[in-house]
Amino acid sequence: MSMLAGIASFSTLGAVWGVIWWLNLFDRGLLPAPWEVLNVLTVQMTEKELWLDILLSARRVVVGVFCGLAIALPVGFILGWYKSVRAFIDPVINFFRALPPIALIPLVIVYFGIGELARLSVLIYAAFFSSVIVIYEGIKMIPPIYIRVSKALGATDFEIFKRIVVPAALPHVLTAFRVSTGVCWTTLVAAELVAAERGLGAVIVNGQNFFQVPVIFVGIIMIGAVAVIMDQLLRYATAHLLTWQESI
């Protein structure tokens, strides 16, 4: 049902786009027709190896998310569990979270050059700061009564962490996974501004440089399409990993 609703919504969006083009509400040089973009997409796939750009961008996002989340997990658990540490670090976390990754690109180039490491560092930065807050806010929401009852029953700190904190935090960790994935896709173009020759961000930038508006549309649509597919996969995985909650 949800898939049919999604198809219907995108079909409606395409129809509205076609009507706007047909009514000539915008300069047709700036707003190509949907079928023109579809034709360019076919050419890009067959002649320009757009599939390779999609794979490279998806790989960068996946690496950025996993690395950022791997750092955010221990940091988030520490901030969520120790109030004094959270009070000390939280302002710094919020300071850097407010900085858009694109503003750091000049420093990234200075520190890491213009190679793949520079692009990945931008994505790791975005993934870390978007997920760490979700994780430690989730741990803060664990009802204190669970901890007190466990201690009253003689549970050790490790048992409390294993049997209460981790299961209670798992939904928030999975949410952080989804959030950081979405943020990485929105940051992708900024990351691939760092002298990337291939990737969906590079496709958009090249389209801008040569004023190829349909190519820009193709890059934007592919970023959104791949991001939606990844989000749906994460939703499916989350629903199956958290079936124990429904049984409870």
C-alpha atoms as a PDB file:
ATOM      1  CA  MET A   1       0.000   0.000   0.000  1.00  0.00           C
ATOM      2  CA  SER A   2       2.785   2.428   0.945  1.00  0.00           C
ATOM      3  CA  MET A   3       4.632   1.590  -2.298  1.00  0.00           C
ATOM      4  CA  LEU A   4       1.531   2.354  -4.341  1.00  0.00           C
ATOM      5  CA  ALA A   5       1.081   5.620  -2.461  1.00  0.00           C
ATOM      6  CA  GLY A   6       4.708   6.533  -3.167  1.00  0.00           C
ATOM      7  CA  ILE A   7       4.320   5.766  -6.880  1.00  0.00           C
ATOM      8  CA  ALA A   8       1.135   7.824  -6.974  1.00  0.00           C
ATOM      9  CA  SER A   9       2.774  10.800  -5.231  1.00  0.00           C
ATOM     10  CA  PHE A  10       5.777  10.836  -7.577  1.00  0.00           C
ATOM     11  CA  SER A  11       3.498  10.391 -10.590  1.00  0.00           C
ATOM     12  CA  THR A  12       1.478  13.388  -9.432  1.00  0.00           C
ATOM     13  CA  LEU A  13       4.668  15.401  -8.985  1.00  0.00           C
ATOM     14  CA  GLY A  14       5.760  14.483 -12.513  1.00  0.00           C
ATOM     15  CA  ALA A  15       2.355  15.445 -13.893  1.00  0.00           C
ATOM     16  CA  VAL A  16       2.447  18.822 -12.140  1.00  0.00           C
ATOM     17  CA  TRP A  17       5.948  19.376 -13.513  1.00  0.00           C
ATOM     18  CA  GLY A  18       4.707  18.563 -17.032  1.00  0.00           C
ATOM     19  CA  VAL A  19       1.748  20.929 -16.695  1.00  0.00           C
ATOM     20  CA  ILE A  20       3.991  23.763 -15.486  1.00  0.00           C
ATOM     21  CA  TRP A  21       6.282  23.172 -18.482  1.00  0.00           C
ATOM     22  CA  TRP A  22       3.320  23.013 -20.882  1.00  0.00           C
ATOM     23  CA  LEU A  23       1.871  26.280 -19.531  1.00  0.00           C
ATOM     24  CA  ASN A  24       5.311  27.854 -19.995  1.00  0.00           C
ATOM     25  CA  LEU A  25       5.199  29.401 -16.515  1.00  0.00           C
ATOM     26  CA  PHE A  26       9.010  29.383 -16.471  1.00  0.00           C
ATOM     27  CA  ASP A  27      11.581  29.830 -19.190  1.00  0.00           C
ATOM     28  CA  ARG A  28      11.835  26.416 -20.862  1.00  0.00           C
ATOM     29  CA  GLY A  29      15.581  26.846 -21.001  1.00  0.00           C
ATOM     30  CA  LEU A  30      15.589  26.847 -17.206  1.00  0.00           C
ATOM     31  CA  LEU A  31      12.871  24.226 -16.667  1.00  0.00           C
ATOM     32  CA  PRO A  32      13.204  21.256 -19.036  1.00  0.00           C
ATOM     33  CA  ALA A  33      10.299  18.913 -19.697  1.00  0.00           C
ATOM     34  CA  PRO A  34      10.149  15.652 -17.710  1.00  0.00           C
ATOM     35  CA  TRP A  35      10.589  13.575 -20.887  1.00  0.00           C
ATOM     36  CA  GLU A  36      13.655  15.656 -21.819  1.00  0.00           C
ATOM     37  CA  VAL A  37      15.232  14.898 -18.453  1.00  0.00           C
ATOM     38  CA  LEU A  38      14.319  11.224 -18.888  1.00  0.00           C
ATOM     39  CA  ASN A  39      16.044  11.204 -22.270  1.00  0.00           C
ATOM     40  CA  VAL A  40      19.165  12.819 -20.793  1.00  0.00           C
ATOM     41  CA  LEU A  41      19.067  10.252 -17.976  1.00  0.00           C
ATOM     42  CA  THR A  42      19.070   7.444 -20.543  1.00  0.00           C
ATOM     43  CA  VAL A  43      22.010   9.010 -22.386  1.00  0.00           C
ATOM     44  CA  GLN A  44      23.903   9.563 -19.138  1.00  0.00           C
ATOM     45  CA  MET A  45      23.370   5.955 -18.119  1.00  0.00           C
ATOM     46  CA  THR A  46      24.397   4.437 -21.431  1.00  0.00           C
ATOM     47  CA  GLU A  47      27.085   6.823 -22.690  1.00  0.00           C
ATOM     48  CA  LYS A  48      28.392   8.722 -19.644  1.00  0.00           C
ATOM     49  CA  GLU A  49      28.424   5.820 -17.158  1.00  0.00           C
ATOM     50  CA  LEU A  50      26.094   7.560 -14.715  1.00  0.00           C
ATOM     51  CA  TRP A  51      25.730   4.233 -12.905  1.00  0.00           C
ATOM     52  CA  LEU A  52      29.391   4.578 -11.893  1.00  0.00           C
ATOM     53  CA  ASP A  53      28.703   8.042 -10.437  1.00  0.00           C
ATOM     54  CA  ILE A  54      25.777   6.564  -8.475  1.00  0.00           C
ATOM     55  CA  LEU A  55      27.934   3.741  -7.093  1.00  0.00           C
ATOM     56  CA  LEU A  56      30.777   6.094  -6.129  1.00  0.00           C
ATOM     57  CA  SER A  57      28.436   8.517  -4.362  1.00  0.00           C
ATOM     58  CA  ALA A  58      26.580   5.701  -2.592  1.00  0.00           C
ATOM     59  CA  ARG A  59      29.893   4.215  -1.450  1.00  0.00           C
ATOM     60  CA  ARG A  60      31.029   7.575  -0.086  1.00  0.00           C
ATOM     61  CA  VAL A  61      27.762   8.007   1.798  1.00  0.00           C
ATOM     62  CA  VAL A  62      27.905   4.474   3.248  1.00  0.00           C
ATOM     63  CA  VAL A  63      31.535   4.889   4.378  1.00  0.00           C
ATOM     64  CA  GLY A  64      30.773   8.319   5.833  1.00  0.00           C
ATOM     65  CA  VAL A  65      27.731   7.056   7.722  1.00  0.00           C
ATOM     66  CA  PHE A  66      29.432   3.969   9.146  1.00  0.00           C
ATOM     67  CA  CYS A  67      32.563   5.860  10.210  1.00  0.00           C
ATOM     68  CA  GLY A  68      30.580   8.759  11.664  1.00  0.00           C
ATOM     69  CA  LEU A  69      28.239   6.407  13.509  1.00  0.00           C
ATOM     70  CA  ALA A  70      31.149   4.312  14.803  1.00  0.00           C
ATOM     71  CA  ILE A  71      32.541   7.446  16.463  1.00  0.00           C
ATOM     72  CA  ALA A  72      29.127   8.710  17.566  1.00  0.00           C
ATOM     73  CA  LEU A  73      28.122   5.478  19.348  1.00  0.00           C
ATOM     74  CA  PRO A  74      30.678   5.530  22.195  1.00  0.00           C
ATOM     75  CA  VAL A  75      30.512   9.326  22.454  1.00  0.00           C
ATOM     76  CA  GLY A  76      26.708   9.263  22.565  1.00  0.00           C
ATOM     77  CA  PHE A  77      26.615   6.537  25.222  1.00  0.00           C
ATOM     78  CA  ILE A  78      29.116   8.437  27.394  1.00  0.00           C
ATOM     79  CA  LEU A  79      27.237  11.729  27.052  1.00  0.00           C
ATOM     80  CA  GLY A  80      23.908  10.063  27.720  1.00  0.00           C
ATOM     81  CA  TRP A  81      25.118   8.120  30.758  1.00  0.00           C
ATOM     82  CA  TYR A  82      27.298  10.705  32.526  1.00  0.00           C
ATOM     83  CA  LYS A  83      25.497  13.979  33.216  1.00  0.00           C
ATOM     84  CA  SER A  84      28.638  15.870  34.188  1.00  0.00           C
ATOM     85  CA  VAL A  85      30.381  14.925  30.935  1.00  0.00           C
ATOM     86  CA  ARG A  86      27.261  15.870  28.954  1.00  0.00           C
ATOM     87  CA  ALA A  87      27.038  19.275  30.642  1.00  0.00           C
ATOM     88  CA  PHE A  88      30.674  19.918  29.738  1.00  0.00           C
ATOM     89  CA  ILE A  89      30.651  18.643  26.137  1.00  0.00           C
ATOM     90  CA  ASP A  90      27.095  19.413  24.995  1.00  0.00           C
ATOM     91  CA  PRO A  91      27.755  23.112  24.128  1.00  0.00           C
ATOM     92  CA  VAL A  92      30.724  22.089  21.970  1.00  0.00           C
ATOM     93  CA  ILE A  93      28.659  19.414  20.201  1.00  0.00           C
ATOM     94  CA  ASN A  94      25.902  21.916  19.449  1.00  0.00           C
ATOM     95  CA  PHE A  95      28.430  24.497  18.264  1.00  0.00           C
ATOM     96  CA  PHE A  96      29.921  22.197  15.648  1.00  0.00           C
ATOM     97  CA  ARG A  97      26.532  20.709  14.738  1.00  0.00           C
ATOM     98  CA  ALA A  98      25.379  24.189  13.727  1.00  0.00           C
ATOM     99  CA  LEU A  99      28.277  24.618  11.301  1.00  0.00           C
ATOM    100  CA  PRO A 100      27.332  23.573   7.755  1.00  0.00           C
ATOM    101  CA  PRO A 101      29.886  21.160   6.275  1.00  0.00           C
ATOM    102  CA  ILE A 102      30.264  23.346   3.171  1.00  0.00           C
ATOM    103  CA  ALA A 103      31.709  26.113   5.374  1.00  0.00           C
ATOM    104  CA  LEU A 104      34.545  23.787   6.367  1.00  0.00           C
ATOM    105  CA  ILE A 105      35.602  22.882   2.836  1.00  0.00           C
ATOM    106  CA  PRO A 106      38.455  25.450   2.701  1.00  0.00           C
ATOM    107  CA  LEU A 107      39.910  23.995   5.904  1.00  0.00           C
ATOM    108  CA  VAL A 108      39.331  20.444   4.668  1.00  0.00           C
ATOM    109  CA  ILE A 109      41.358  21.213   1.542  1.00  0.00           C
ATOM    110  CA  VAL A 110      44.144  22.750   3.645  1.00  0.00           C
ATOM    111  CA  TYR A 111      44.310  19.786   6.035  1.00  0.00           C
ATOM    112  CA  PHE A 112      43.468  16.827   3.796  1.00  0.00           C
ATOM    113  CA  GLY A 113      44.153  18.039   0.266  1.00  0.00           C
ATOM    114  CA  ILE A 114      41.724  17.340  -2.584  1.00  0.00           C
ATOM    115  CA  GLY A 115      41.692  13.541  -2.514  1.00  0.00           C
ATOM    116  CA  GLU A 116      39.095  11.004  -1.436  1.00  0.00           C
ATOM    117  CA  LEU A 117      40.000  11.451   2.237  1.00  0.00           C
ATOM    118  CA  ALA A 118      38.910  15.075   2.084  1.00  0.00           C
ATOM    119  CA  ARG A 119      35.501  14.154   0.673  1.00  0.00           C
ATOM    120  CA  LEU A 120      34.984  11.368   3.190  1.00  0.00           C
ATOM    121  CA  SER A 121      35.967  13.635   6.087  1.00  0.00           C
ATOM    122  CA  VAL A 122      33.136  16.041   5.196  1.00  0.00           C
ATOM    123  CA  LEU A 123      30.621  13.172   5.187  1.00  0.00           C
ATOM    124  CA  ILE A 124      31.981  11.676   8.437  1.00  0.00           C
ATOM    125  CA  TYR A 125      31.678  15.101  10.069  1.00  0.00           C
ATOM    126  CA  ALA A 126      28.063  15.408   8.930  1.00  0.00           C
ATOM    127  CA  ALA A 127      27.180  11.860  10.025  1.00  0.00           C
ATOM    128  CA  PHE A 128      28.787  12.171  13.449  1.00  0.00           C
ATOM    129  CA  PHE A 129      27.158  15.411  14.557  1.00  0.00           C
ATOM    130  CA  SER A 130      23.748  14.459  13.179  1.00  0.00           C
ATOM    131  CA  SER A 131      23.699  11.092  14.978  1.00  0.00           C
ATOM    132  CA  VAL A 132      25.481  11.676  18.285  1.00  0.00           C
ATOM    133  CA  ILE A 133      22.703  13.910  19.609  1.00  0.00           C
ATOM    134  CA  VAL A 134      20.004  11.404  18.646  1.00  0.00           C
ATOM    135  CA  ILE A 135      21.888   8.672  20.504  1.00  0.00           C
ATOM    136  CA  TYR A 136      22.544  10.490  23.745  1.00  0.00           C
ATOM    137  CA  GLU A 137      19.087  12.061  23.829  1.00  0.00           C
ATOM    138  CA  GLY A 138      17.677   8.531  23.502  1.00  0.00           C
ATOM    139  CA  ILE A 139      19.785   7.290  26.403  1.00  0.00           C
ATOM    140  CA  LYS A 140      18.668  10.256  28.513  1.00  0.00           C
ATOM    141  CA  MET A 141      15.054   9.162  27.965  1.00  0.00           C
ATOM    142  CA  ILE A 142      15.569   5.758  29.611  1.00  0.00           C
ATOM    143  CA  PRO A 143      13.267   5.781  32.680  1.00  0.00           C
ATOM    144  CA  PRO A 144      15.446   5.993  35.836  1.00  0.00           C
ATOM    145  CA  ILE A 145      13.125   3.499  37.558  1.00  0.00           C
ATOM    146  CA  TYR A 146      14.585   0.743  35.361  1.00  0.00           C
ATOM    147  CA  ILE A 147      18.070   1.499  36.627  1.00  0.00           C
ATOM    148  CA  ARG A 148      17.014   1.736  40.277  1.00  0.00           C
ATOM    149  CA  VAL A 149      15.052  -1.532  40.151  1.00  0.00           C
ATOM    150  CA  SER A 150      17.975  -3.310  38.496  1.00  0.00           C
ATOM    151  CA  LYS A 151      20.390  -2.106  41.141  1.00  0.00           C
ATOM    152  CA  ALA A 152      17.938  -3.102  43.878  1.00  0.00           C
ATOM    153  CA  LEU A 153      17.859  -6.608  42.400  1.00  0.00           C
ATOM    154  CA  GLY A 154      21.655  -6.783  42.530  1.00  0.00           C
ATOM    155  CA  ALA A 155      22.493  -6.187  38.866  1.00  0.00           C
ATOM    156  CA  THR A 156      26.024  -5.051  38.106  1.00  0.00           C
ATOM    157  CA  ASP A 157      26.786  -1.982  35.990  1.00  0.00           C
ATOM    158  CA  PHE A 158      27.698  -4.218  33.051  1.00  0.00           C
ATOM    159  CA  GLU A 159      24.412  -6.143  33.339  1.00  0.00           C
ATOM    160  CA  ILE A 160      22.470  -2.874  33.496  1.00  0.00           C
ATOM    161  CA  PHE A 161      24.290  -1.634  30.412  1.00  0.00           C
ATOM    162  CA  LYS A 162      23.779  -4.909  28.534  1.00  0.00           C
ATOM    163  CA  ARG A 163      20.183  -5.682  29.477  1.00  0.00           C
ATOM    164  CA  ILE A 164      18.653  -2.207  29.844  1.00  0.00           C
ATOM    165  CA  VAL A 165      20.708   0.547  28.251  1.00  0.00           C
ATOM    166  CA  VAL A 166      21.597  -1.205  24.986  1.00  0.00           C
ATOM    167  CA  PRO A 167      18.066  -2.558  24.217  1.00  0.00           C
ATOM    168  CA  ALA A 168      16.492   0.780  25.160  1.00  0.00           C
ATOM    169  CA  ALA A 169      18.994   2.707  23.038  1.00  0.00           C
ATOM    170  CA  LEU A 170      18.758   0.441  19.975  1.00  0.00           C
ATOM    171  CA  PRO A 171      15.739   2.216  18.422  1.00  0.00           C
ATOM    172  CA  HIS A 172      17.537   5.546  18.785  1.00  0.00           C
ATOM    173  CA  VAL A 173      20.725   4.130  17.266  1.00  0.00           C
ATOM    174  CA  LEU A 174      18.744   2.934  14.253  1.00  0.00           C
ATOM    175  CA  THR A 175      17.058   6.330  14.034  1.00  0.00           C
ATOM    176  CA  ALA A 176      20.501   7.941  14.139  1.00  0.00           C
ATOM    177  CA  PHE A 177      21.497   5.635  11.280  1.00  0.00           C
ATOM    178  CA  ARG A 178      18.601   6.891   9.163  1.00  0.00           C
ATOM    179  CA  VAL A 179      19.120  10.534  10.112  1.00  0.00           C
ATOM    180  CA  SER A 180      22.851  10.465   9.389  1.00  0.00           C
ATOM    181  CA  THR A 181      22.227   8.735   6.046  1.00  0.00           C
ATOM    182  CA  GLY A 182      19.834  11.492   5.011  1.00  0.00           C
ATOM    183  CA  VAL A 183      22.216  14.208   6.185  1.00  0.00           C
ATOM    184  CA  CYS A 184      25.101  12.616   4.284  1.00  0.00           C
ATOM    185  CA  TRP A 185      23.089  12.623   1.081  1.00  0.00           C
ATOM    186  CA  THR A 186      22.276  16.316   1.570  1.00  0.00           C
ATOM    187  CA  THR A 187      25.979  16.962   2.219  1.00  0.00           C
ATOM    188  CA  LEU A 188      27.146  14.897  -0.742  1.00  0.00           C
ATOM    189  CA  VAL A 189      27.298  17.766  -3.248  1.00  0.00           C
ATOM    190  CA  ALA A 190      29.374  19.837  -0.823  1.00  0.00           C
ATOM    191  CA  ALA A 191      31.704  16.889  -0.239  1.00  0.00           C
ATOM    192  CA  GLU A 192      32.144  16.292  -3.960  1.00  0.00           C
ATOM    193  CA  LEU A 193      32.966  19.955  -4.530  1.00  0.00           C
ATOM    194  CA  VAL A 194      36.422  18.968  -3.300  1.00  0.00           C
ATOM    195  CA  ALA A 195      37.771  18.293  -6.808  1.00  0.00           C
ATOM    196  CA  ALA A 196      35.721  15.140  -7.376  1.00  0.00           C
ATOM    197  CA  GLU A 197      35.878  13.921 -10.970  1.00  0.00           C
ATOM    198  CA  ARG A 198      33.062  11.371 -10.581  1.00  0.00           C
ATOM    199  CA  GLY A 199      29.962  11.180  -8.411  1.00  0.00           C
ATOM    200  CA  LEU A 200      26.463  12.630  -8.481  1.00  0.00           C
ATOM    201  CA  GLY A 201      27.678  15.877  -6.934  1.00  0.00           C
ATOM    202  CA  ALA A 202      30.269  16.144  -9.710  1.00  0.00           C
ATOM    203  CA  VAL A 203      27.503  15.530 -12.283  1.00  0.00           C
ATOM    204  CA  ILE A 204      25.537  18.471 -10.869  1.00  0.00           C
ATOM    205  CA  VAL A 205      28.596  20.737 -10.756  1.00  0.00           C
ATOM    206  CA  ASN A 206      29.560  19.837 -14.325  1.00  0.00           C
ATOM    207  CA  GLY A 207      26.008  20.527 -15.455  1.00  0.00           C
ATOM    208  CA  GLN A 208      26.199  23.924 -13.775  1.00  0.00           C
ATOM    209  CA  ASN A 209      29.574  24.741 -15.323  1.00  0.00           C
ATOM    210  CA  PHE A 210      28.315  24.001 -18.838  1.00  0.00           C
ATOM    211  CA  PHE A 211      24.778  25.304 -18.174  1.00  0.00           C
ATOM    212  CA  GLN A 212      23.249  21.906 -18.917  1.00  0.00           C
ATOM    213  CA  VAL A 213      20.072  22.236 -16.888  1.00  0.00           C
ATOM    214  CA  PRO A 214      18.702  18.741 -17.734  1.00  0.00           C
ATOM    215  CA  VAL A 215      21.959  17.212 -16.467  1.00  0.00           C
ATOM    216  CA  ILE A 216      21.563  19.144 -13.202  1.00  0.00           C
ATOM    217  CA  PHE A 217      18.034  17.754 -12.886  1.00  0.00           C
ATOM    218  CA  VAL A 218      19.325  14.228 -13.526  1.00  0.00           C
ATOM    219  CA  GLY A 219      21.914  14.554 -10.756  1.00  0.00           C
ATOM    220  CA  ILE A 220      19.358  15.932  -8.293  1.00  0.00           C
ATOM    221  CA  ILE A 221      16.777  13.255  -9.123  1.00  0.00           C
ATOM    222  CA  MET A 222      19.339  10.448  -8.775  1.00  0.00           C
ATOM    223  CA  ILE A 223      20.466  11.716  -5.372  1.00  0.00           C
ATOM    224  CA  GLY A 224      16.864  11.807  -4.179  1.00  0.00           C
ATOM    225  CA  ALA A 225      16.026   8.411  -5.684  1.00  0.00           C
ATOM    226  CA  VAL A 226      19.020   6.582  -4.191  1.00  0.00           C
ATOM    227  CA  ALA A 227      18.470   8.314  -0.833  1.00  0.00           C
ATOM    228  CA  VAL A 228      14.817   7.185  -0.797  1.00  0.00           C
ATOM    229  CA  ILE A 229      15.812   3.597  -1.624  1.00  0.00           C
ATOM    230  CA  MET A 230      18.405   3.521   1.158  1.00  0.00           C
ATOM    231  CA  ASP A 231      15.926   5.013   3.623  1.00  0.00           C
ATOM    232  CA  GLN A 232      13.316   2.394   2.734  1.00  0.00           C
ATOM    233  CA  LEU A 233      15.872  -0.370   3.269  1.00  0.00           C
ATOM    234  CA  LEU A 234      16.748   1.079   6.671  1.00  0.00           C
ATOM    235  CA  ARG A 235      13.060   1.306   7.580  1.00  0.00           C
ATOM    236  CA  TYR A 236      12.600  -2.338   6.635  1.00  0.00           C
ATOM    237  CA  ALA A 237      15.642  -3.377   8.680  1.00  0.00           C
ATOM    238  CA  THR A 238      14.486  -1.284  11.640  1.00  0.00           C
ATOM    239  CA  ALA A 239      11.013  -2.837  11.590  1.00  0.00           C
ATOM    240  CA  HIS A 240      12.482  -6.349  11.679  1.00  0.00           C
ATOM    241  CA  LEU A 241      15.170  -5.616  14.261  1.00  0.00           C
ATOM    242  CA  LEU A 242      12.627  -4.106  16.653  1.00  0.00           C
ATOM    243  CA  THR A 243       9.938  -6.792  16.477  1.00  0.00           C
ATOM    244  CA  TRP A 244      10.741  -7.674  20.082  1.00  0.00           C
ATOM    245  CA  GLN A 245       9.360  -4.267  21.143  1.00  0.00           C
ATOM    246  CA  GLU A 246       6.002  -5.033  19.577  1.00  0.00           C
ATOM    247  CA  SER A 247       5.857  -8.378  21.392  1.00  0.00           C
ATOM    248  CA  ILE A 248       6.537  -6.597  24.657  1.00  0.00           C
END
